[in-house]
Amino acid sequence: MAALLDRLSKTRGLPDRIFLDYGPEFVARALDLWAYENGVTLDFSRPGKPTDNAMIKSFNGRFRDECLTDANY
């Protein structure tokens, strides 16, 4: 994840803040170190509160239903 954010920051710039859930790819020490070194705040949703990131959960579900499912068949 940190390597991807490094590449994106070269073309898009660095965000002030990244909103995350507690997925294993987001709680890694490498991501925490990357954020610290780049002055980016990692803002985690509250555990067990899917309404904190309802918009992205909705987008991911719709994207999966409309794009990924069709690609698999």
Protein backbone atom coordinates (compact mmCIF):
# COMPACT_ATOMS: atom_id res chain seq x y z
CA MET A 1 0.00 0.00 0.00
CA ALA A 2 2.81 2.42 0.88
CA ALA A 3 4.53 1.80 -2.47
CA LEU A 4 1.30 2.49 -4.34
CA LEU A 5 0.75 5.72 -2.41
CA ASP A 6 4.33 6.75 -3.19
CA ARG A 7 3.72 6.34 -6.92
CA LEU A 8 0.39 8.16 -6.77
CA SER A 9 1.85 11.04 -4.80
CA LYS A 10 4.31 11.77 -7.60
CA THR A 11 1.50 12.50 -10.06
CA ARG A 12 -1.34 13.60 -7.76
CA GLY A 13 0.45 15.10 -4.77
CA LEU A 14 0.03 14.12 -1.14
CA PRO A 15 -3.31 14.29 0.66
CA ASP A 16 -3.58 15.89 4.08
CA ARG A 17 -5.56 12.95 5.41
CA ILE A 18 -6.52 9.41 4.38
CA PHE A 19 -9.68 7.85 5.82
CA LEU A 20 -9.30 4.08 6.40
CA ASP A 21 -10.95 1.12 8.04
CA TYR A 22 -9.08 -1.50 10.03
CA GLY A 23 -8.36 -3.86 7.12
CA PRO A 24 -5.01 -5.65 7.41
CA GLU A 25 -3.57 -3.73 4.46
CA PHE A 26 -4.27 -0.45 6.29
CA VAL A 27 -2.88 -1.20 9.74
CA ALA A 28 0.57 -2.29 8.59
CA ARG A 29 3.59 -0.61 10.14
CA ALA A 30 4.90 0.29 6.66
CA LEU A 31 1.80 2.40 5.94
CA ASP A 32 2.05 4.09 9.33
CA LEU A 33 5.70 4.92 8.68
CA TRP A 34 4.92 6.21 5.17
CA ALA A 35 2.21 8.50 6.53
CA TYR A 36 4.49 9.82 9.27
CA GLU A 37 7.37 10.49 6.87
CA ASN A 38 5.06 12.28 4.42
CA GLY A 39 3.04 14.27 6.95
CA VAL A 40 -0.23 12.50 6.12
CA THR A 41 -2.79 11.85 8.85
CA LEU A 42 -4.31 8.37 8.91
CA ASP A 43 -7.90 8.68 10.13
CA PHE A 44 -9.39 5.28 11.05
CA SER A 45 -13.09 4.53 11.22
CA ARG A 46 -14.44 3.21 14.50
CA PRO A 47 -14.34 -0.60 14.72
CA GLY A 48 -17.77 -2.13 14.18
CA LYS A 49 -19.24 1.10 12.76
CA PRO A 50 -19.74 0.53 9.01
CA THR A 51 -21.70 3.79 8.82
CA ASP A 52 -18.41 5.67 9.26
CA ASN A 53 -17.46 4.76 5.71
CA ALA A 54 -20.86 3.97 4.22
CA MET A 55 -20.18 5.85 0.97
CA ILE A 56 -17.12 3.80 0.05
CA LYS A 57 -18.76 0.54 1.17
CA SER A 58 -21.69 1.35 -1.11
CA PHE A 59 -19.35 2.20 -4.01
CA ASN A 60 -17.32 -0.99 -3.55
CA GLY A 61 -20.47 -3.13 -3.51
CA ARG A 62 -21.86 -1.49 -6.62
CA PHE A 63 -18.49 -1.69 -8.41
CA ARG A 64 -18.22 -5.39 -7.57
CA ASP A 65 -21.79 -6.07 -8.72
CA GLU A 66 -21.56 -4.11 -11.98
CA CYS A 67 -17.97 -4.64 -13.06
CA LEU A 68 -16.15 -7.45 -11.37
CA THR A 69 -18.96 -10.00 -11.44
CA ASP A 70 -19.42 -9.55 -15.20
CA ALA A 71 -15.69 -9.90 -15.79
CA ASN A 72 -15.64 -13.29 -14.08
CA TYR A 73 -18.28 -14.84 -16.34
